[in-house]
Amino acid sequence: MAISDYIEDLIYRVLSGEAGKAEREEFEEWLSASEEHQMFFREVERAWHTGKYTLKWENVQASEAWQALERKHDRRRRNRVLRICWRVAAAVVVVGTIFAFWQLDQEREPGKVAQGTVVKAGESKAVLVLSTGEKIVLGESVSDLIREGGMSIRQEKEQINYDAKVGDLAGEVVYNELIVPVGGEYRLLLSDGTMVYMNSESRLKYPVRFVGDRRVVELEGEAYFDVARDEKCPFIVHTNLVNVDVLGTSFNVMAYKVDNRIEVTLVKGKVNVTCGEARKMLEPNQQFVLNNENGECVVREVNVDTFIDWKNGILNFDALPLGELSEKLGRWYGVKFFFTNEKLKQLKFSGAVKKYNDIDYILSLIEATTNVTFTMKADVIIVNEK
């Protein structure tokens, strides 16, 4: 099958996260045009992800050709030389790693870590706590409408919706809480039309309907907010240390109490972030970071895809220390990591992979490219040095 140079460049831009909205729409149209296109893309995608995992570890020396490619990539020079270099480099990576993965497959069945324990990915599940204290398990099946505080709550398998157009809006304002456990994710459509994507081990407290001149919710954990715009009524996210104040915008908040920092990442619009006396205004592609240990806060430019891809089914890491990566994997897969050597936590990893793969797939990639191995006892993954 002949694929034009333009389409190959378009695929590369989509995989690297640099394609704009129009380019993504063009890519989706091309992809859905035929099964051959889909097969071609899957092959390129597999080579791309393998190449990222193999060559992005900081303690791995990449070839001069690949390093030259990365320098050109950073300068955003999109030309035929760049495309050919990337294709050659990706091919070399695949050939160089096929044997390693073949060996791993001989020793281990897919979906199993070391001693045969199956570790599945997370799924859509949550618990809804009503104002009465009643708890409703979500994600198992679709039930009838839930009535709460004059509102109708529609339950779906992966989402609940608060319908402001249904029910009596008079009366006392009551609060609900959505709790997403370890190994879970869930979506929530608030009564004002704001969509919230909840990550694992997170909880959100909110009114079933908003009244007054502010829309206030309380978050512990991680969530992505796509806020319905209302010029007269700002939307405010409270965390234990940081407040985020917006009118209508899209942003991600990571505020786990056990983590050493809080992150607010802005995708579009503007947000005000307040921490004590400090107040920062964020522009798109900027991130506010609060160090929970010393109280210092900074604003930095980031690739937002790295911090929001989790809501799109992708685990995306950019030079993330293995210690922090293990915390994210632990929340999604419901396991704990134990490091036999503390220095292994400092290994930095970059890459992207679909998060619905069994954890063994990711661990196999890590083992194949570093001097670490993994063994599992009960729900604990032990990280050893080779």
Protein backbone atom coordinates (compact mmCIF):
# COMPACT_ATOMS: atom_id res chain seq x y z
CA MET A 1 0.00 0.00 0.00
CA ALA A 2 1.40 3.37 -1.04
CA ILE A 3 1.26 6.04 1.66
CA SER A 4 2.11 9.60 0.70
CA ASP A 5 4.89 11.53 2.39
CA TYR A 6 2.29 13.99 3.62
CA ILE A 7 0.28 11.29 5.41
CA GLU A 8 3.42 9.86 7.01
CA ASP A 9 4.31 13.31 8.33
CA LEU A 10 0.74 13.75 9.56
CA ILE A 11 0.89 10.44 11.48
CA TYR A 12 4.19 11.48 13.03
CA ARG A 13 2.70 14.80 14.18
CA VAL A 14 -0.31 13.05 15.70
CA LEU A 15 1.84 10.55 17.61
CA SER A 16 4.16 13.28 18.89
CA GLY A 17 1.21 15.38 20.07
CA GLU A 18 2.03 18.30 17.76
CA ALA A 19 -0.95 18.03 15.39
CA GLY A 20 -3.50 20.81 15.62
CA LYS A 21 -7.25 20.32 15.69
CA ALA A 22 -7.64 20.51 11.91
CA GLU A 23 -4.79 18.04 11.40
CA ARG A 24 -6.27 15.61 13.91
CA GLU A 25 -9.63 15.77 12.14
CA GLU A 26 -7.90 15.13 8.81
CA PHE A 27 -6.02 12.21 10.34
CA GLU A 28 -9.24 10.69 11.78
CA GLU A 29 -10.91 10.98 8.37
CA TRP A 30 -7.97 9.26 6.69
CA LEU A 31 -7.84 6.56 9.38
CA SER A 32 -11.52 5.68 9.06
CA ALA A 33 -11.35 5.53 5.26
CA SER A 34 -10.12 1.94 5.09
CA GLU A 35 -8.93 -1.04 7.11
CA GLU A 36 -5.57 -0.84 5.30
CA HIS A 37 -5.04 2.65 6.70
CA GLN A 38 -5.81 1.38 10.19
CA MET A 39 -3.38 -1.52 9.82
CA PHE A 40 -0.64 0.80 8.59
CA PHE A 41 -1.20 3.19 11.48
CA ARG A 42 -1.08 0.38 14.05
CA GLU A 43 2.29 -0.74 12.70
CA VAL A 44 3.69 2.80 12.82
CA GLU A 45 2.20 3.37 16.28
CA ARG A 46 3.80 0.19 17.60
CA ALA A 47 7.20 1.25 16.25
CA TRP A 48 6.76 4.74 17.65
CA HIS A 49 5.95 3.62 21.20
CA THR A 50 8.69 1.00 21.17
CA GLY A 51 11.17 3.63 20.01
CA LYS A 52 10.12 6.07 22.71
CA TYR A 53 10.45 3.53 25.49
CA THR A 54 13.77 2.17 24.34
CA LEU A 55 15.54 5.42 23.68
CA LYS A 56 14.12 7.82 26.25
CA TRP A 57 15.71 6.40 29.38
CA GLU A 58 18.30 8.92 30.53
CA ASN A 59 20.85 6.21 31.28
CA VAL A 60 20.67 4.79 27.73
CA GLN A 61 22.99 6.21 25.10
CA ALA A 62 21.09 6.75 21.84
CA SER A 63 22.76 6.60 18.47
CA GLU A 64 24.16 9.75 16.87
CA ALA A 65 21.53 9.48 14.16
CA TRP A 66 18.71 9.40 16.67
CA GLN A 67 20.18 12.27 18.69
CA ALA A 68 20.45 14.31 15.51
CA LEU A 69 16.83 13.47 14.80
CA GLU A 70 15.75 14.65 18.26
CA ARG A 71 17.61 17.94 17.81
CA LYS A 72 15.80 18.52 14.54
CA HIS A 73 12.54 17.52 16.17
CA ASP A 74 13.06 20.07 18.94
CA ARG A 75 13.61 22.79 16.34
CA ARG A 76 10.35 21.66 14.67
CA ARG A 77 12.02 21.16 11.30
CA ARG A 78 9.60 19.05 9.36
CA ASN A 79 11.24 17.97 6.13
CA ARG A 80 11.96 14.81 4.22
CA VAL A 81 15.34 14.26 5.90
CA LEU A 82 13.65 14.30 9.32
CA ARG A 83 11.01 11.81 8.22
CA ILE A 84 13.52 9.41 6.72
CA CYS A 85 15.75 9.62 9.81
CA TRP A 86 12.82 8.87 12.07
CA ARG A 87 11.73 5.87 9.99
CA VAL A 88 15.25 4.47 9.94
CA ALA A 89 15.75 5.03 13.66
CA ALA A 90 12.39 3.46 14.54
CA ALA A 91 13.17 0.46 12.37
CA VAL A 92 16.54 0.00 14.08
CA VAL A 93 14.88 0.22 17.48
CA VAL A 94 12.28 -2.40 16.60
CA VAL A 95 14.88 -4.80 15.23
CA GLY A 96 17.06 -4.23 18.28
CA THR A 97 14.27 -4.95 20.76
CA ILE A 98 12.31 -7.73 19.08
CA PHE A 99 14.70 -10.39 20.39
CA ALA A 100 14.55 -8.99 23.93
CA PHE A 101 10.76 -9.03 23.95
CA TRP A 102 10.70 -12.50 22.35
CA GLN A 103 12.85 -13.75 25.22
CA LEU A 104 10.54 -12.12 27.74
CA ASP A 105 7.52 -13.72 26.09
CA GLN A 106 9.12 -17.14 26.38
CA GLU A 107 9.56 -16.70 30.12
CA ARG A 108 6.30 -14.91 30.93
CA GLU A 109 2.72 -15.04 29.74
CA PRO A 110 1.04 -11.76 28.78
CA GLY A 111 -0.68 -10.05 31.68
CA LYS A 112 1.44 -11.70 34.36
CA VAL A 113 4.30 -10.35 36.45
CA ALA A 114 7.21 -12.63 37.27
CA GLN A 115 5.45 -15.30 39.31
CA GLY A 116 2.24 -15.56 37.30
CA THR A 117 -0.01 -13.15 39.19
CA VAL A 118 -2.47 -11.46 36.85
CA VAL A 119 -2.49 -7.66 37.25
CA LYS A 120 -5.25 -6.06 35.23
CA ALA A 121 -5.66 -2.40 34.40
CA GLY A 122 -8.19 -0.20 36.15
CA GLU A 123 -11.74 0.42 34.95
CA SER A 124 -14.69 2.77 35.26
CA LYS A 125 -15.94 2.54 38.83
CA ALA A 126 -16.84 4.90 41.64
CA VAL A 127 -19.03 5.37 44.70
CA LEU A 128 -21.60 8.16 44.91
CA VAL A 129 -22.32 9.41 48.43
CA LEU A 130 -25.69 11.14 48.68
CA SER A 131 -26.56 13.90 51.13
CA THR A 132 -28.26 11.32 53.36
CA GLY A 133 -25.04 9.30 53.61
CA GLU A 134 -26.37 6.57 51.35
CA LYS A 135 -23.68 5.08 49.10
CA ILE A 136 -24.39 3.96 45.54
CA VAL A 137 -21.86 1.84 43.67
CA LEU A 138 -21.41 3.11 40.12
CA GLY A 139 -19.96 1.46 37.04
CA GLU A 140 -21.48 -1.98 37.48
CA SER A 141 -24.76 -1.35 35.66
CA VAL A 142 -27.17 1.38 34.61
CA SER A 143 -30.02 1.98 37.04
CA ASP A 144 -33.10 4.18 37.21
CA LEU A 145 -32.86 7.91 37.86
CA ILE A 146 -31.55 8.92 41.28
CA ARG A 147 -33.47 11.72 42.98
CA GLU A 148 -31.44 14.09 45.14
CA GLY A 149 -32.08 17.65 46.34
CA GLY A 150 -34.73 18.34 43.71
CA MET A 151 -32.42 17.04 40.96
CA SER A 152 -32.47 13.99 38.74
CA ILE A 153 -29.17 12.12 38.46
CA ARG A 154 -28.81 9.89 35.41
CA GLN A 155 -26.43 7.01 35.91
CA GLU A 156 -24.46 5.50 33.04
CA LYS A 157 -21.73 2.89 33.13
CA GLU A 158 -18.87 5.39 32.91
CA GLN A 159 -20.54 8.66 33.89
CA ILE A 160 -23.24 10.30 35.98
CA ASN A 161 -25.18 13.38 34.86
CA TYR A 162 -26.86 16.03 36.98
CA ASP A 163 -29.66 17.35 34.79
CA ALA A 164 -30.48 20.95 35.74
CA LYS A 165 -33.52 20.95 33.44
CA VAL A 166 -35.21 18.10 35.28
CA GLY A 167 -36.72 18.44 38.73
CA ASP A 168 -37.61 21.19 41.16
CA LEU A 169 -34.68 23.57 41.67
CA ALA A 170 -36.22 25.17 44.74
CA GLY A 171 -35.29 24.17 48.25
CA GLU A 172 -32.13 23.66 50.25
CA VAL A 173 -28.85 23.06 48.44
CA VAL A 174 -27.38 19.66 49.24
CA TYR A 175 -24.00 18.14 48.51
CA ASN A 176 -22.87 14.86 46.99
CA GLU A 177 -19.43 13.29 46.92
CA LEU A 178 -17.98 11.15 44.15
CA ILE A 179 -15.26 8.76 45.32
CA VAL A 180 -13.08 6.99 42.74
CA PRO A 181 -11.05 4.17 44.33
CA VAL A 182 -7.63 2.80 43.47
CA GLY A 183 -7.88 1.13 40.07
CA GLY A 184 -10.79 3.32 38.99
CA GLU A 185 -11.77 6.28 36.84
CA TYR A 186 -15.09 8.04 36.27
CA ARG A 187 -16.75 11.03 34.62
CA LEU A 188 -19.16 13.51 36.13
CA LEU A 189 -21.37 16.07 34.37
CA LEU A 190 -22.27 18.78 36.88
CA SER A 191 -25.57 20.66 36.83
CA ASP A 192 -23.98 23.72 35.14
CA GLY A 193 -22.67 21.65 32.23
CA THR A 194 -19.10 21.33 33.53
CA MET A 195 -17.52 17.96 32.72
CA VAL A 196 -15.15 16.45 35.27
CA TYR A 197 -12.85 13.49 34.56
CA MET A 198 -11.84 11.80 37.81
CA ASN A 199 -8.61 9.81 38.13
CA SER A 200 -7.85 6.91 40.49
CA GLU A 201 -7.91 7.39 44.27
CA SER A 202 -9.70 10.74 44.03
CA ARG A 203 -12.78 12.33 45.55
CA LEU A 204 -14.84 15.37 44.65
CA LYS A 205 -17.44 17.11 46.83
CA TYR A 206 -19.94 19.36 45.02
CA PRO A 207 -23.49 20.75 45.29
CA VAL A 208 -26.13 18.93 43.27
CA ARG A 209 -26.98 22.37 41.86
CA PHE A 210 -25.07 25.65 41.98
CA VAL A 211 -26.65 28.75 43.52
CA GLY A 212 -25.32 32.22 44.28
CA ASP A 213 -22.43 33.95 42.57
CA ARG A 214 -19.84 31.14 42.83
CA ARG A 215 -19.57 27.51 41.76
CA VAL A 216 -17.39 25.77 44.35
CA VAL A 217 -16.16 22.16 44.47
CA GLU A 218 -13.61 20.41 46.71
CA LEU A 219 -11.03 18.01 45.27
CA GLU A 220 -8.62 15.51 46.74
CA GLY A 221 -6.63 13.56 44.16
CA GLU A 222 -6.60 14.27 40.43
CA ALA A 223 -9.26 15.53 38.03
CA TYR A 224 -9.54 17.24 34.67
CA PHE A 225 -12.14 20.02 34.44
CA ASP A 226 -13.81 21.26 31.27
CA VAL A 227 -15.69 24.18 32.80
CA ALA A 228 -18.90 25.61 31.32
CA ARG A 229 -18.39 29.35 30.91
CA ASP A 230 -20.41 31.72 33.09
CA GLU A 231 -19.15 35.31 33.25
CA LYS A 232 -21.21 36.08 36.36
CA CYS A 233 -20.36 32.95 38.30
CA PRO A 234 -16.70 31.81 38.60
CA PHE A 235 -15.88 28.15 39.07
CA ILE A 236 -13.58 27.45 42.01
CA VAL A 237 -11.71 24.25 42.88
CA HIS A 238 -10.59 23.96 46.49
CA THR A 239 -7.76 21.57 47.44
CA ASN A 240 -6.03 21.21 50.80
CA LEU A 241 -3.45 23.89 49.92
CA VAL A 242 -4.38 25.47 46.59
CA ASN A 243 -7.47 27.18 45.13
CA VAL A 244 -8.11 27.42 41.39
CA ASP A 245 -10.45 30.18 40.16
CA VAL A 246 -11.82 30.21 36.58
CA LEU A 247 -14.73 31.39 34.43
CA GLY A 248 -14.72 28.87 31.61
CA THR A 249 -11.67 26.85 30.67
CA SER A 250 -10.00 23.42 30.64
CA PHE A 251 -7.36 22.44 33.16
CA ASN A 252 -5.99 19.54 35.20
CA VAL A 253 -5.45 19.51 38.96
CA MET A 254 -3.28 16.91 40.71
CA ALA A 255 -3.52 17.28 44.49
CA TYR A 256 -2.88 14.00 46.27
CA LYS A 257 -2.14 14.61 49.95
CA VAL A 258 0.60 11.96 49.99
CA ASP A 259 2.47 13.45 47.01
CA ASN A 260 5.31 15.94 47.42
CA ARG A 261 3.73 18.52 45.10
CA ILE A 262 0.49 19.91 43.71
CA GLU A 263 0.18 20.63 39.99
CA VAL A 264 -2.32 22.77 38.09
CA THR A 265 -1.95 22.46 34.31
CA LEU A 266 -3.84 24.79 31.97
CA VAL A 267 -4.98 23.58 28.55
CA LYS A 268 -7.05 26.56 27.39
CA GLY A 269 -8.48 29.77 28.81
CA LYS A 270 -7.04 31.39 31.93
CA VAL A 271 -6.96 30.41 35.60
CA ASN A 272 -5.95 32.10 38.83
CA VAL A 273 -4.13 29.85 41.28
CA THR A 274 -3.96 30.96 44.91
CA CYS A 275 -1.73 29.44 47.58
CA GLY A 276 -1.53 31.43 50.81
CA GLU A 277 -0.41 34.92 49.84
CA ALA A 278 0.84 33.78 46.44
CA ARG A 279 -1.41 34.32 43.42
CA LYS A 280 -0.48 33.22 39.89
CA MET A 281 -2.27 33.70 36.58
CA LEU A 282 -1.75 30.83 34.14
CA GLU A 283 -1.79 30.96 30.34
CA PRO A 284 -2.35 27.89 28.13
CA ASN A 285 0.52 25.37 28.23
CA GLN A 286 1.64 26.61 31.64
CA GLN A 287 1.71 24.69 34.89
CA PHE A 288 1.64 25.86 38.50
CA VAL A 289 3.70 23.63 40.81
CA LEU A 290 3.63 23.81 44.61
CA ASN A 291 6.35 21.99 46.53
CA ASN A 292 4.51 20.59 49.55
CA GLU A 293 7.74 20.16 51.50
CA ASN A 294 9.10 23.71 51.40
CA GLY A 295 6.07 25.69 50.23
CA GLU A 296 7.79 27.07 47.13
CA CYS A 297 5.68 27.56 44.01
CA VAL A 298 6.70 28.11 40.38
CA VAL A 299 5.05 28.52 36.99
CA ARG A 300 6.62 26.68 34.07
CA GLU A 301 5.96 25.94 30.40
CA VAL A 302 4.96 22.31 29.75
CA ASN A 303 3.66 19.93 27.12
CA VAL A 304 0.12 19.62 28.46
CA ASP A 305 -0.46 16.25 26.78
CA THR A 306 1.93 14.67 29.26
CA PHE A 307 -0.36 15.71 32.13
CA ILE A 308 -3.82 15.19 30.63
CA ASP A 309 -3.46 12.10 28.42
CA TRP A 310 -4.60 9.90 31.31
CA LYS A 311 -8.18 11.00 30.64
CA ASN A 312 -7.82 9.81 27.03
CA GLY A 313 -6.65 6.32 27.97
CA ILE A 314 -2.90 6.93 27.73
CA LEU A 315 -0.17 6.85 30.35
CA ASN A 316 2.28 9.53 29.26
CA PHE A 317 5.58 10.11 31.06
CA ASP A 318 8.23 12.74 30.36
CA ALA A 319 11.50 12.16 32.23
CA LEU A 320 9.51 10.96 35.24
CA PRO A 321 11.55 9.36 38.06
CA LEU A 322 10.75 5.69 38.49
CA GLY A 323 9.71 6.36 42.08
CA GLU A 324 6.95 8.72 40.95
CA LEU A 325 6.02 6.55 38.00
CA SER A 326 5.48 3.62 40.38
CA GLU A 327 3.02 5.72 42.42
CA LYS A 328 0.95 6.46 39.31
CA LEU A 329 1.01 2.82 38.21
CA GLY A 330 0.14 1.74 41.73
CA ARG A 331 -3.00 3.88 41.78
CA TRP A 332 -4.19 2.64 38.40
CA TYR A 333 -3.34 -1.05 38.76
CA GLY A 334 -4.01 -1.41 42.49
CA VAL A 335 -0.50 -2.54 43.44
CA LYS A 336 2.36 -1.27 45.59
CA PHE A 337 6.05 -1.01 44.69
CA PHE A 338 8.97 -1.82 46.96
CA PHE A 339 12.47 -0.70 45.90
CA THR A 340 15.37 -2.80 47.17
CA ASN A 341 17.72 0.04 46.24
CA GLU A 342 16.64 3.67 46.72
CA LYS A 343 18.80 4.92 43.85
CA LEU A 344 16.57 3.04 41.40
CA LYS A 345 13.80 5.53 42.17
CA GLN A 346 15.82 8.24 40.42
CA LEU A 347 15.91 6.56 37.01
CA LYS A 348 13.92 8.80 34.68
CA PHE A 349 11.56 7.44 32.11
CA SER A 350 9.74 8.93 29.11
CA GLY A 351 7.16 7.22 26.96
CA ALA A 352 3.48 6.73 26.24
CA VAL A 353 1.36 3.60 26.27
CA LYS A 354 -2.32 2.73 26.37
CA LYS A 355 -3.26 2.44 30.03
CA TYR A 356 -5.68 -0.45 29.52
CA ASN A 357 -2.78 -2.82 28.86
CA ASP A 358 -1.97 -5.22 31.68
CA ILE A 359 0.83 -3.90 33.84
CA ASP A 360 3.15 -6.65 32.68
CA TYR A 361 3.44 -4.95 29.29
CA ILE A 362 4.84 -1.78 30.83
CA LEU A 363 7.12 -3.60 33.25
CA SER A 364 8.52 -5.69 30.40
CA LEU A 365 9.47 -2.52 28.55
CA ILE A 366 11.21 -1.17 31.64
CA GLU A 367 13.07 -4.42 32.25
CA ALA A 368 14.22 -4.60 28.63
CA THR A 369 15.81 -1.15 28.71
CA THR A 370 17.27 -0.78 32.21
CA ASN A 371 19.11 -2.73 34.87
CA VAL A 372 15.97 -3.39 36.93
CA THR A 373 13.79 -6.48 37.27
CA PHE A 374 10.38 -6.95 38.84
CA THR A 375 8.98 -9.73 40.96
CA MET A 376 5.57 -9.87 42.58
CA LYS A 377 4.41 -11.13 45.95
CA ALA A 378 0.70 -10.72 46.65
CA ASP A 379 -0.07 -7.13 45.62
CA VAL A 380 3.51 -5.85 45.99
CA ILE A 381 5.86 -5.46 43.01
CA ILE A 382 9.49 -5.66 44.14
CA VAL A 383 11.97 -3.60 42.12
CA ASN A 384 15.42 -5.17 42.04
CA GLU A 385 18.68 -4.26 40.41
CA LYS A 386 19.83 -6.74 37.79
